[in-house]
């Protein structure tokens, strides 16, 4: 029943053969999760990442940028000093 429910949510049609296959696979996955639940993790410190993280941000540096005229130069439509785009919200 779970396989049919997930297939319905995903809007995909499954044959009976596929349902049986996915049902077996799901059963195997859930059995493995049960095995993992048996592990004693009392001495394992909780972590959010397997690898150590470092700050990858760069320093902000002031650089010259495009003028408004340069930025709008190839715009298909513009209105004064702004890009003009089709209205999508009524």
PDB file of N, CA and C in Angstrom:
ATOM      1  N   UNK A   1       0.825  -1.192   0.000  1.00  0.00           N
ATOM      2  CA  UNK A   1       0.000   0.000   0.000  1.00  0.00           C
ATOM      3  C   UNK A   1       0.872   1.260   0.000  1.00  0.00           C
ATOM      4  N   UNK A   2       2.013   1.263   0.725  1.00  0.00           N
ATOM      5  CA  UNK A   2       2.893   2.429   0.745  1.00  0.00           C
ATOM      6  C   UNK A   2       3.434   2.733  -0.645  1.00  0.00           C
ATOM      7  N   UNK A   3       3.761   1.690  -1.399  1.00  0.00           N
ATOM      8  CA  UNK A   3       4.307   1.867  -2.739  1.00  0.00           C
ATOM      9  C   UNK A   3       3.268   2.556  -3.626  1.00  0.00           C
ATOM     10  N   UNK A   4       2.028   2.118  -3.554  1.00  0.00           N
ATOM     11  CA  UNK A   4       0.971   2.727  -4.366  1.00  0.00           C
ATOM     12  C   UNK A   4       0.739   4.175  -3.965  1.00  0.00           C
ATOM     13  N   UNK A   5       0.813   4.456  -2.665  1.00  0.00           N
ATOM     14  CA  UNK A   5       0.604   5.817  -2.168  1.00  0.00           C
ATOM     15  C   UNK A   5       1.705   6.744  -2.687  1.00  0.00           C
ATOM     16  N   UNK A   6       2.962   6.296  -2.597  1.00  0.00           N
ATOM     17  CA  UNK A   6       4.082   7.119  -3.061  1.00  0.00           C
ATOM     18  C   UNK A   6       4.000   7.296  -4.577  1.00  0.00           C
ATOM     19  N   UNK A   7       3.639   6.249  -5.290  1.00  0.00           N
ATOM     20  CA  UNK A   7       3.498   6.350  -6.743  1.00  0.00           C
ATOM     21  C   UNK A   7       2.411   7.364  -7.097  1.00  0.00           C
ATOM     22  N   UNK A   8       1.328   7.357  -6.341  1.00  0.00           N
ATOM     23  CA  UNK A   8       0.248   8.315  -6.593  1.00  0.00           C
ATOM     24  C   UNK A   8       0.735   9.741  -6.342  1.00  0.00           C
ATOM     25  N   UNK A   9       1.488   9.946  -5.239  1.00  0.00           N
ATOM     26  CA  UNK A   9       2.029  11.278  -4.955  1.00  0.00           C
ATOM     27  C   UNK A   9       2.977  11.741  -6.058  1.00  0.00           C
ATOM     28  N   UNK A  10       3.757  10.802  -6.593  1.00  0.00           N
ATOM     29  CA  UNK A  10       4.714  11.130  -7.656  1.00  0.00           C
ATOM     30  C   UNK A  10       4.053  11.176  -9.022  1.00  0.00           C
ATOM     31  N   UNK A  11       2.782  10.818  -9.056  1.00  0.00           N
ATOM     32  CA  UNK A  11       2.007  10.794 -10.303  1.00  0.00           C
ATOM     33  C   UNK A  11       2.653   9.888 -11.350  1.00  0.00           C
ATOM     34  N   UNK A  12       3.046   8.694 -10.908  1.00  0.00           N
ATOM     35  CA  UNK A  12       3.579   7.700 -11.832  1.00  0.00           C
ATOM     36  C   UNK A  12       2.759   6.426 -11.720  1.00  0.00           C
ATOM     37  N   UNK A  13       2.645   5.741 -12.827  1.00  0.00           N
ATOM     38  CA  UNK A  13       1.925   4.477 -12.833  1.00  0.00           C
ATOM     39  C   UNK A  13       2.942   3.347 -12.768  1.00  0.00           C
ATOM     40  N   UNK A  14       2.673   2.371 -11.915  1.00  0.00           N
ATOM     41  CA  UNK A  14       3.559   1.222 -11.765  1.00  0.00           C
ATOM     42  C   UNK A  14       2.813  -0.042 -12.144  1.00  0.00           C
ATOM     43  N   UNK A  15       3.522  -0.943 -12.798  1.00  0.00           N
ATOM     44  CA  UNK A  15       2.940  -2.246 -13.096  1.00  0.00           C
ATOM     45  C   UNK A  15       2.963  -3.071 -11.810  1.00  0.00           C
ATOM     46  N   UNK A  16       2.252  -4.175 -11.826  1.00  0.00           N
ATOM     47  CA  UNK A  16       2.245  -5.059 -10.654  1.00  0.00           C
ATOM     48  C   UNK A  16       3.648  -5.592 -10.379  1.00  0.00           C
ATOM     49  N   UNK A  17       4.404  -5.852 -11.444  1.00  0.00           N
ATOM     50  CA  UNK A  17       5.778  -6.340 -11.298  1.00  0.00           C
ATOM     51  C   UNK A  17       6.652  -5.288 -10.597  1.00  0.00           C
ATOM     52  N   UNK A  18       6.495  -4.021 -11.017  1.00  0.00           N
ATOM     53  CA  UNK A  18       7.267  -2.931 -10.396  1.00  0.00           C
ATOM     54  C   UNK A  18       6.859  -2.736  -8.941  1.00  0.00           C
ATOM     55  N   UNK A  19       5.565  -2.818  -8.663  1.00  0.00           N
ATOM     56  CA  UNK A  19       5.098  -2.678  -7.277  1.00  0.00           C
ATOM     57  C   UNK A  19       5.708  -3.746  -6.391  1.00  0.00           C
ATOM     58  N   UNK A  20       5.754  -4.989  -6.888  1.00  0.00           N
ATOM     59  CA  UNK A  20       6.339  -6.092  -6.109  1.00  0.00           C
ATOM     60  C   UNK A  20       7.830  -5.861  -5.892  1.00  0.00           C
ATOM     61  N   UNK A  21       8.529  -5.409  -6.938  1.00  0.00           N
ATOM     62  CA  UNK A  21       9.968  -5.149  -6.837  1.00  0.00           C
ATOM     63  C   UNK A  21      10.253  -4.048  -5.817  1.00  0.00           C
ATOM     64  N   UNK A  22       9.537  -2.924  -5.933  1.00  0.00           N
ATOM     65  CA  UNK A  22       9.762  -1.805  -5.020  1.00  0.00           C
ATOM     66  C   UNK A  22       9.352  -2.157  -3.596  1.00  0.00           C
ATOM     67  N   UNK A  23       8.348  -2.987  -3.463  1.00  0.00           N
ATOM     68  CA  UNK A  23       7.917  -3.428  -2.139  1.00  0.00           C
ATOM     69  C   UNK A  23       9.022  -4.236  -1.460  1.00  0.00           C
ATOM     70  N   UNK A  24       9.646  -5.132  -2.213  1.00  0.00           N
ATOM     71  CA  UNK A  24      10.777  -5.917  -1.670  1.00  0.00           C
ATOM     72  C   UNK A  24      11.938  -5.008  -1.298  1.00  0.00           C
ATOM     73  N   UNK A  25      12.238  -4.038  -2.180  1.00  0.00           N
ATOM     74  CA  UNK A  25      13.342  -3.120  -1.905  1.00  0.00           C
ATOM     75  C   UNK A  25      13.069  -2.284  -0.655  1.00  0.00           C
ATOM     76  N   UNK A  26      11.845  -1.808  -0.519  1.00  0.00           N
ATOM     77  CA  UNK A  26      11.485  -1.024   0.657  1.00  0.00           C
ATOM     78  C   UNK A  26      11.589  -1.862   1.916  1.00  0.00           C
ATOM     79  N   UNK A  27      11.153  -3.115   1.830  1.00  0.00           N
ATOM     80  CA  UNK A  27      11.255  -4.028   2.984  1.00  0.00           C
ATOM     81  C   UNK A  27      12.721  -4.210   3.383  1.00  0.00           C
ATOM     82  N   UNK A  28      13.613  -4.372   2.401  1.00  0.00           N
ATOM     83  CA  UNK A  28      15.041  -4.529   2.683  1.00  0.00           C
ATOM     84  C   UNK A  28      15.629  -3.271   3.316  1.00  0.00           C
ATOM     85  N   UNK A  29      15.226  -2.103   2.824  1.00  0.00           N
ATOM     86  CA  UNK A  29      15.715  -0.834   3.373  1.00  0.00           C
ATOM     87  C   UNK A  29      15.282  -0.681   4.824  1.00  0.00           C
ATOM     88  N   UNK A  30      14.016  -0.973   5.099  1.00  0.00           N
ATOM     89  CA  UNK A  30      13.505  -0.840   6.464  1.00  0.00           C
ATOM     90  C   UNK A  30      14.161  -1.849   7.403  1.00  0.00           C
ATOM     91  N   UNK A  31      14.463  -3.040   6.908  1.00  0.00           N
ATOM     92  CA  UNK A  31      15.166  -4.046   7.724  1.00  0.00           C
ATOM     93  C   UNK A  31      16.570  -3.553   8.060  1.00  0.00           C
ATOM     94  N   UNK A  32      17.238  -2.924   7.103  1.00  0.00           N
ATOM     95  CA  UNK A  32      18.575  -2.398   7.357  1.00  0.00           C
ATOM     96  C   UNK A  32      18.524  -1.263   8.369  1.00  0.00           C
ATOM     97  N   UNK A  33      17.515  -0.420   8.284  1.00  0.00           N
ATOM     98  CA  UNK A  33      17.362   0.666   9.258  1.00  0.00           C
ATOM     99  C   UNK A  33      17.164   0.091  10.658  1.00  0.00           C
ATOM    100  N   UNK A  34      16.415  -0.979  10.763  1.00  0.00           N
ATOM    101  CA  UNK A  34      16.228  -1.633  12.065  1.00  0.00           C
ATOM    102  C   UNK A  34      17.553  -2.137  12.605  1.00  0.00           C
ATOM    103  N   UNK A  35      18.416  -2.657  11.717  1.00  0.00           N
ATOM    104  CA  UNK A  35      19.749  -3.094  12.148  1.00  0.00           C
ATOM    105  C   UNK A  35      20.548  -1.916  12.686  1.00  0.00           C
ATOM    106  N   UNK A  36      20.468  -0.789  11.994  1.00  0.00           N
ATOM    107  CA  UNK A  36      21.205   0.397  12.427  1.00  0.00           C
ATOM    108  C   UNK A  36      20.713   0.897  13.787  1.00  0.00           C
ATOM    109  N   UNK A  37      19.425   0.743  14.043  1.00  0.00           N
ATOM    110  CA  UNK A  37      18.872   1.176  15.324  1.00  0.00           C
ATOM    111  C   UNK A  37      19.434   0.372  16.492  1.00  0.00           C
ATOM    112  N   UNK A  38      19.937  -0.819  16.221  1.00  0.00           N
ATOM    113  CA  UNK A  38      20.482  -1.678  17.275  1.00  0.00           C
ATOM    114  C   UNK A  38      21.879  -1.246  17.716  1.00  0.00           C
ATOM    115  N   UNK A  39      22.538  -0.398  16.929  1.00  0.00           N
ATOM    116  CA  UNK A  39      23.897   0.033  17.259  1.00  0.00           C
ATOM    117  C   UNK A  39      23.894   0.922  18.500  1.00  0.00           C
ATOM    118  N   UNK A  40      24.894   0.722  19.336  1.00  0.00           N
ATOM    119  CA  UNK A  40      25.062   1.558  20.516  1.00  0.00           C
ATOM    120  C   UNK A  40      25.868   2.792  20.108  1.00  0.00           C
ATOM    121  N   UNK A  41      25.227   3.934  20.133  1.00  0.00           N
ATOM    122  CA  UNK A  41      25.888   5.179  19.738  1.00  0.00           C
ATOM    123  C   UNK A  41      26.070   6.132  20.922  1.00  0.00           C
ATOM    124  N   UNK A  42      26.019   5.588  22.132  1.00  0.00           N
ATOM    125  CA  UNK A  42      26.140   6.439  23.318  1.00  0.00           C
ATOM    126  C   UNK A  42      27.461   7.196  23.364  1.00  0.00           C
ATOM    127  N   UNK A  43      28.551   6.585  22.889  1.00  0.00           N
ATOM    128  CA  UNK A  43      29.861   7.232  22.967  1.00  0.00           C
ATOM    129  C   UNK A  43      30.198   8.028  21.703  1.00  0.00           C
ATOM    130  N   UNK A  44      29.254   8.132  20.786  1.00  0.00           N
ATOM    131  CA  UNK A  44      29.495   8.865  19.536  1.00  0.00           C
ATOM    132  C   UNK A  44      28.936  10.271  19.665  1.00  0.00           C
ATOM    133  N   UNK A  45      29.807  11.244  19.435  1.00  0.00           N
ATOM    134  CA  UNK A  45      29.385  12.635  19.544  1.00  0.00           C
ATOM    135  C   UNK A  45      28.559  13.033  18.323  1.00  0.00           C
ATOM    136  N   UNK A  46      27.417  13.671  18.542  1.00  0.00           N
ATOM    137  CA  UNK A  46      26.608  14.103  17.399  1.00  0.00           C
ATOM    138  C   UNK A  46      27.356  15.144  16.563  1.00  0.00           C
ATOM    139  N   UNK A  47      27.228  15.037  15.252  1.00  0.00           N
ATOM    140  CA  UNK A  47      27.868  15.988  14.352  1.00  0.00           C
ATOM    141  C   UNK A  47      26.871  16.377  13.264  1.00  0.00           C
ATOM    142  N   UNK A  48      27.138  17.498  12.640  1.00  0.00           N
ATOM    143  CA  UNK A  48      26.261  17.919  11.541  1.00  0.00           C
ATOM    144  C   UNK A  48      26.887  17.630  10.184  1.00  0.00           C
ATOM    145  N   UNK A  49      28.224  17.439  10.139  1.00  0.00           N
ATOM    146  CA  UNK A  49      28.914  17.136   8.883  1.00  0.00           C
ATOM    147  C   UNK A  49      29.992  16.102   9.144  1.00  0.00           C
ATOM    148  N   UNK A  50      30.225  15.263   8.163  1.00  0.00           N
ATOM    149  CA  UNK A  50      31.256  14.239   8.295  1.00  0.00           C
ATOM    150  C   UNK A  50      32.638  14.863   8.211  1.00  0.00           C
ATOM    151  N   UNK A  51      32.794  15.835   7.334  1.00  0.00           N
ATOM    152  CA  UNK A  51      34.089  16.477   7.146  1.00  0.00           C
ATOM    153  C   UNK A  51      34.141  17.797   7.903  1.00  0.00           C
ATOM    154  N   UNK A  52      35.323  18.196   8.349  1.00  0.00           N
ATOM    155  CA  UNK A  52      35.422  19.493   9.042  1.00  0.00           C
ATOM    156  C   UNK A  52      35.099  20.629   8.073  1.00  0.00           C
ATOM    157  N   UNK A  53      34.416  21.627   8.589  1.00  0.00           N
ATOM    158  CA  UNK A  53      34.053  22.783   7.771  1.00  0.00           C
ATOM    159  C   UNK A  53      34.993  23.938   8.062  1.00  0.00           C
ATOM    160  N   UNK A  54      35.224  24.741   7.052  1.00  0.00           N
ATOM    161  CA  UNK A  54      35.994  25.962   7.264  1.00  0.00           C
ATOM    162  C   UNK A  54      35.257  27.092   6.577  1.00  0.00           C
ATOM    163  N   UNK A  55      35.527  28.277   7.008  1.00  0.00           N
ATOM    164  CA  UNK A  55      34.873  29.441   6.429  1.00  0.00           C
ATOM    165  C   UNK A  55      35.408  29.643   5.017  1.00  0.00           C
ATOM    166  N   UNK A  56      34.523  29.592   4.043  1.00  0.00           N
ATOM    167  CA  UNK A  56      34.941  29.734   2.655  1.00  0.00           C
ATOM    168  C   UNK A  56      34.603  31.107   2.082  1.00  0.00           C
ATOM    169  N   UNK A  57      34.174  32.013   2.939  1.00  0.00           N
ATOM    170  CA  UNK A  57      33.847  33.353   2.474  1.00  0.00           C
ATOM    171  C   UNK A  57      35.114  34.135   2.173  1.00  0.00           C
ATOM    172  N   UNK A  58      35.053  34.932   1.150  1.00  0.00           N
ATOM    173  CA  UNK A  58      36.180  35.792   0.817  1.00  0.00           C
ATOM    174  C   UNK A  58      35.932  37.184   1.385  1.00  0.00           C
ATOM    175  N   UNK A  59      36.955  37.941   1.471  1.00  0.00           N
ATOM    176  CA  UNK A  59      36.825  39.319   1.923  1.00  0.00           C
ATOM    177  C   UNK A  59      36.110  40.125   0.844  1.00  0.00           C
ATOM    178  N   UNK A  60      35.256  41.021   1.275  1.00  0.00           N
ATOM    179  CA  UNK A  60      34.606  41.917   0.330  1.00  0.00           C
ATOM    180  C   UNK A  60      35.626  42.936  -0.150  1.00  0.00           C
ATOM    181  N   UNK A  61      35.718  43.069  -1.445  1.00  0.00           N
ATOM    182  CA  UNK A  61      36.614  44.080  -2.007  1.00  0.00           C
ATOM    183  C   UNK A  61      35.822  44.942  -2.980  1.00  0.00           C
ATOM    184  N   UNK A  62      36.107  46.197  -2.949  1.00  0.00           N
ATOM    185  CA  UNK A  62      35.423  47.148  -3.812  1.00  0.00           C
ATOM    186  C   UNK A  62      36.018  47.064  -5.210  1.00  0.00           C
ATOM    187  N   UNK A  63      35.141  46.816  -6.192  1.00  0.00           N
ATOM    188  CA  UNK A  63      35.577  46.714  -7.586  1.00  0.00           C
ATOM    189  C   UNK A  63      34.655  47.579  -8.437  1.00  0.00           C
ATOM    190  N   UNK A  64      35.164  48.056  -9.558  1.00  0.00           N
ATOM    191  CA  UNK A  64      34.311  48.849 -10.438  1.00  0.00           C
ATOM    192  C   UNK A  64      33.194  47.958 -11.016  1.00  0.00           C
ATOM    193  N   UNK A  65      32.019  48.522 -11.186  1.00  0.00           N
ATOM    194  CA  UNK A  65      30.902  47.768 -11.752  1.00  0.00           C
ATOM    195  C   UNK A  65      30.372  48.484 -12.978  1.00  0.00           C
ATOM    196  N   UNK A  66      29.387  47.867 -13.618  1.00  0.00           N
ATOM    197  CA  UNK A  66      28.796  48.463 -14.817  1.00  0.00           C
ATOM    198  C   UNK A  66      28.007  49.714 -14.470  1.00  0.00           C
ATOM    199  N   UNK A  67      28.002  50.636 -15.379  1.00  0.00           N
ATOM    200  CA  UNK A  67      27.118  51.788 -15.218  1.00  0.00           C
ATOM    201  C   UNK A  67      25.704  51.327 -15.564  1.00  0.00           C
ATOM    202  N   UNK A  68      24.715  52.115 -15.204  1.00  0.00           N
ATOM    203  CA  UNK A  68      23.325  51.774 -15.526  1.00  0.00           C
ATOM    204  C   UNK A  68      23.167  51.649 -17.032  1.00  0.00           C
ATOM    205  N   UNK A  69      23.769  52.529 -17.776  1.00  0.00           N
ATOM    206  CA  UNK A  69      23.679  52.499 -19.240  1.00  0.00           C
ATOM    207  C   UNK A  69      24.285  51.211 -19.795  1.00  0.00           C
ATOM    208  N   UNK A  70      25.443  50.796 -19.274  1.00  0.00           N
ATOM    209  CA  UNK A  70      26.075  49.560 -19.735  1.00  0.00           C
ATOM    210  C   UNK A  70      25.220  48.336 -19.392  1.00  0.00           C
ATOM    211  N   UNK A  71      24.648  48.334 -18.198  1.00  0.00           N
ATOM    212  CA  UNK A  71      23.841  47.195 -17.768  1.00  0.00           C
ATOM    213  C   UNK A  71      22.587  47.051 -18.620  1.00  0.00           C
ATOM    214  N   UNK A  72      22.003  48.158 -19.013  1.00  0.00           N
ATOM    215  CA  UNK A  72      20.761  48.132 -19.792  1.00  0.00           C
ATOM    216  C   UNK A  72      21.003  48.106 -21.296  1.00  0.00           C
ATOM    217  N   UNK A  73      22.256  48.150 -21.708  1.00  0.00           N
ATOM    218  CA  UNK A  73      22.601  48.251 -23.121  1.00  0.00           C
ATOM    219  C   UNK A  73      21.969  47.149 -23.970  1.00  0.00           C
ATOM    220  N   UNK A  74      21.982  45.898 -23.529  1.00  0.00           N
ATOM    221  CA  UNK A  74      21.448  44.775 -24.308  1.00  0.00           C
ATOM    222  C   UNK A  74      20.088  44.300 -23.816  1.00  0.00           C
ATOM    223  N   UNK A  75      19.463  45.066 -22.948  1.00  0.00           N
ATOM    224  CA  UNK A  75      18.150  44.667 -22.428  1.00  0.00           C
ATOM    225  C   UNK A  75      17.124  44.710 -23.547  1.00  0.00           C
ATOM    226  N   UNK A  76      16.287  43.665 -23.661  1.00  0.00           N
ATOM    227  CA  UNK A  76      15.263  43.682 -24.711  1.00  0.00           C
ATOM    228  C   UNK A  76      14.224  44.780 -24.482  1.00  0.00           C
ATOM    229  N   UNK A  77      13.977  45.132 -23.226  1.00  0.00           N
ATOM    230  CA  UNK A  77      13.029  46.210 -22.921  1.00  0.00           C
ATOM    231  C   UNK A  77      13.495  46.918 -21.659  1.00  0.00           C
ATOM    232  N   UNK A  78      13.412  48.234 -21.669  1.00  0.00           N
ATOM    233  CA  UNK A  78      13.802  48.999 -20.492  1.00  0.00           C
ATOM    234  C   UNK A  78      12.847  50.159 -20.292  1.00  0.00           C
ATOM    235  N   UNK A  79      12.776  50.610 -19.056  1.00  0.00           N
ATOM    236  CA  UNK A  79      11.923  51.741 -18.706  1.00  0.00           C
ATOM    237  C   UNK A  79      12.761  52.670 -17.843  1.00  0.00           C
ATOM    238  N   UNK A  80      13.120  53.799 -18.385  1.00  0.00           N
ATOM    239  CA  UNK A  80      14.008  54.759 -17.739  1.00  0.00           C
ATOM    240  C   UNK A  80      15.318  54.064 -17.361  1.00  0.00           C
ATOM    241  N   UNK A  81      15.582  53.869 -16.043  1.00  0.00           N
ATOM    242  CA  UNK A  81      16.843  53.244 -15.646  1.00  0.00           C
ATOM    243  C   UNK A  81      16.626  51.852 -15.046  1.00  0.00           C
ATOM    244  N   UNK A  82      15.612  51.122 -15.555  1.00  0.00           N
ATOM    245  CA  UNK A  82      15.297  49.787 -15.037  1.00  0.00           C
ATOM    246  C   UNK A  82      15.004  48.822 -16.176  1.00  0.00           C
ATOM    247  N   UNK A  83      15.161  47.532 -15.900  1.00  0.00           N
ATOM    248  CA  UNK A  83      14.731  46.509 -16.847  1.00  0.00           C
ATOM    249  C   UNK A  83      13.210  46.475 -16.842  1.00  0.00           C
ATOM    250  N   UNK A  84      12.615  46.253 -17.993  1.00  0.00           N
ATOM    251  CA  UNK A  84      11.172  46.134 -18.097  1.00  0.00           C
ATOM    252  C   UNK A  84      10.857  44.676 -18.444  1.00  0.00           C
ATOM    253  N   UNK A  85      10.032  44.033 -17.610  1.00  0.00           N
ATOM    254  CA  UNK A  85       9.693  42.629 -17.813  1.00  0.00           C
ATOM    255  C   UNK A  85       8.181  42.487 -17.862  1.00  0.00           C
ATOM    256  N   UNK A  86       7.693  41.417 -18.501  1.00  0.00           N
ATOM    257  CA  UNK A  86       6.248  41.224 -18.559  1.00  0.00           C
ATOM    258  C   UNK A  86       5.666  41.000 -17.158  1.00  0.00           C
ATOM    259  N   UNK A  87       4.454  41.511 -16.950  1.00  0.00           N
ATOM    260  CA  UNK A  87       3.769  41.323 -15.682  1.00  0.00           C
ATOM    261  C   UNK A  87       3.334  39.868 -15.584  1.00  0.00           C
ATOM    262  N   UNK A  88       3.632  39.215 -14.448  1.00  0.00           N
ATOM    263  CA  UNK A  88       3.243  37.823 -14.280  1.00  0.00           C
ATOM    264  C   UNK A  88       2.234  37.639 -13.160  1.00  0.00           C
ATOM    265  N   UNK A  89       2.023  38.646 -12.355  1.00  0.00           N
ATOM    266  CA  UNK A  89       1.054  38.573 -11.258  1.00  0.00           C
ATOM    267  C   UNK A  89      -0.033  39.586 -11.532  1.00  0.00           C
ATOM    268  N   UNK A  90      -1.250  39.114 -11.495  1.00  0.00           N
ATOM    269  CA  UNK A  90      -2.390  40.002 -11.747  1.00  0.00           C
ATOM    270  C   UNK A  90      -2.718  40.825 -10.527  1.00  0.00           C
TER     271      UNK A  90
END
